[in-house]
Amino acid sequence: MTTELVLAIGIIIGLAVGLLIDRNARRERDEKIAELEGGLNVNRNVVKSLNEDNVRLIKRLSKNEQKTD
């Protein structure tokens, strides 16, 4: 009887600790994902800006080439 009680208490404590660790790990994962998404948005904005600059420069170059012809 006492062995089963000790075993049941041990299992309950193990489950509680496991759930606590899982909750903390999920929170840390969600924070890391949010941080990485913020950096990704910054990188996307930089790439978009550079692409717009490239298009503008290519248009300007093609206009200059037409003028010299």
Protein backbone atom coordinates (compact mmCIF):
# COMPACT_ATOMS: atom_id res chain seq x y z
CA MET A 1 0.00 0.00 0.00
CA THR A 2 2.69 2.49 0.96
CA THR A 3 4.75 1.59 -2.10
CA GLU A 4 1.83 2.38 -4.39
CA LEU A 5 1.21 5.65 -2.57
CA VAL A 6 4.85 6.71 -2.85
CA LEU A 7 4.85 5.70 -6.52
CA ALA A 8 1.65 7.65 -7.22
CA ILE A 9 3.00 10.74 -5.46
CA GLY A 10 6.24 10.45 -7.41
CA ILE A 11 4.36 10.20 -10.70
CA ILE A 12 2.20 13.21 -9.83
CA ILE A 13 5.25 15.28 -8.87
CA GLY A 14 7.02 14.20 -12.06
CA LEU A 15 4.06 15.21 -14.20
CA ALA A 16 3.80 18.58 -12.44
CA VAL A 17 7.51 19.30 -12.96
CA GLY A 18 7.25 18.17 -16.59
CA LEU A 19 4.30 20.48 -17.23
CA LEU A 20 6.13 23.40 -15.60
CA ILE A 21 9.24 22.82 -17.72
CA ASP A 22 7.08 22.50 -20.86
CA ARG A 23 5.29 25.78 -20.13
CA ASN A 24 8.56 27.64 -19.60
CA ALA A 25 10.08 26.14 -22.75
CA ARG A 26 7.05 27.17 -24.81
CA ARG A 27 7.22 30.72 -23.47
CA GLU A 28 10.93 30.96 -24.31
CA ARG A 29 10.27 29.52 -27.78
CA ASP A 30 7.48 32.04 -28.41
CA GLU A 31 9.71 34.92 -27.30
CA LYS A 32 12.51 33.74 -29.61
CA ILE A 33 10.08 33.41 -32.52
CA ALA A 34 8.80 36.95 -31.94
CA GLU A 35 12.37 38.26 -31.83
CA LEU A 36 13.31 36.47 -35.05
CA GLU A 37 10.14 37.68 -36.80
CA GLY A 38 11.04 41.26 -35.86
CA GLY A 39 14.49 40.84 -37.38
CA LEU A 40 12.96 39.24 -40.47
CA ASN A 41 10.65 42.22 -40.94
CA VAL A 42 13.61 44.60 -40.71
CA ASN A 43 15.50 42.56 -43.31
CA ARG A 44 12.47 42.48 -45.62
CA ASN A 45 12.16 46.26 -45.40
CA VAL A 46 15.84 46.71 -46.23
CA VAL A 47 15.60 44.36 -49.21
CA LYS A 48 12.47 46.10 -50.46
CA SER A 49 14.17 49.48 -50.21
CA LEU A 50 17.26 48.23 -52.02
CA ASN A 51 15.13 46.71 -54.77
CA GLU A 52 13.31 50.01 -55.24
CA ASP A 53 16.65 51.81 -55.45
CA ASN A 54 17.90 49.31 -58.03
CA VAL A 55 14.79 49.76 -60.18
CA ARG A 56 15.14 53.52 -60.01
CA LEU A 57 18.84 53.37 -60.93
CA ILE A 58 18.19 50.97 -63.83
CA LYS A 59 15.52 53.32 -65.20
CA ARG A 60 17.87 56.27 -64.89
CA LEU A 61 20.65 54.32 -66.61
CA SER A 62 18.39 53.29 -69.49
CA LYS A 63 17.26 56.91 -69.94
CA ASN A 64 20.90 58.08 -70.03
CA GLU A 65 21.77 55.38 -72.57
CA GLN A 66 18.89 56.48 -74.81
CA LYS A 67 20.02 60.11 -74.64
CA THR A 68 23.57 59.22 -75.72
CA ASP A 69 22.37 57.15 -78.68
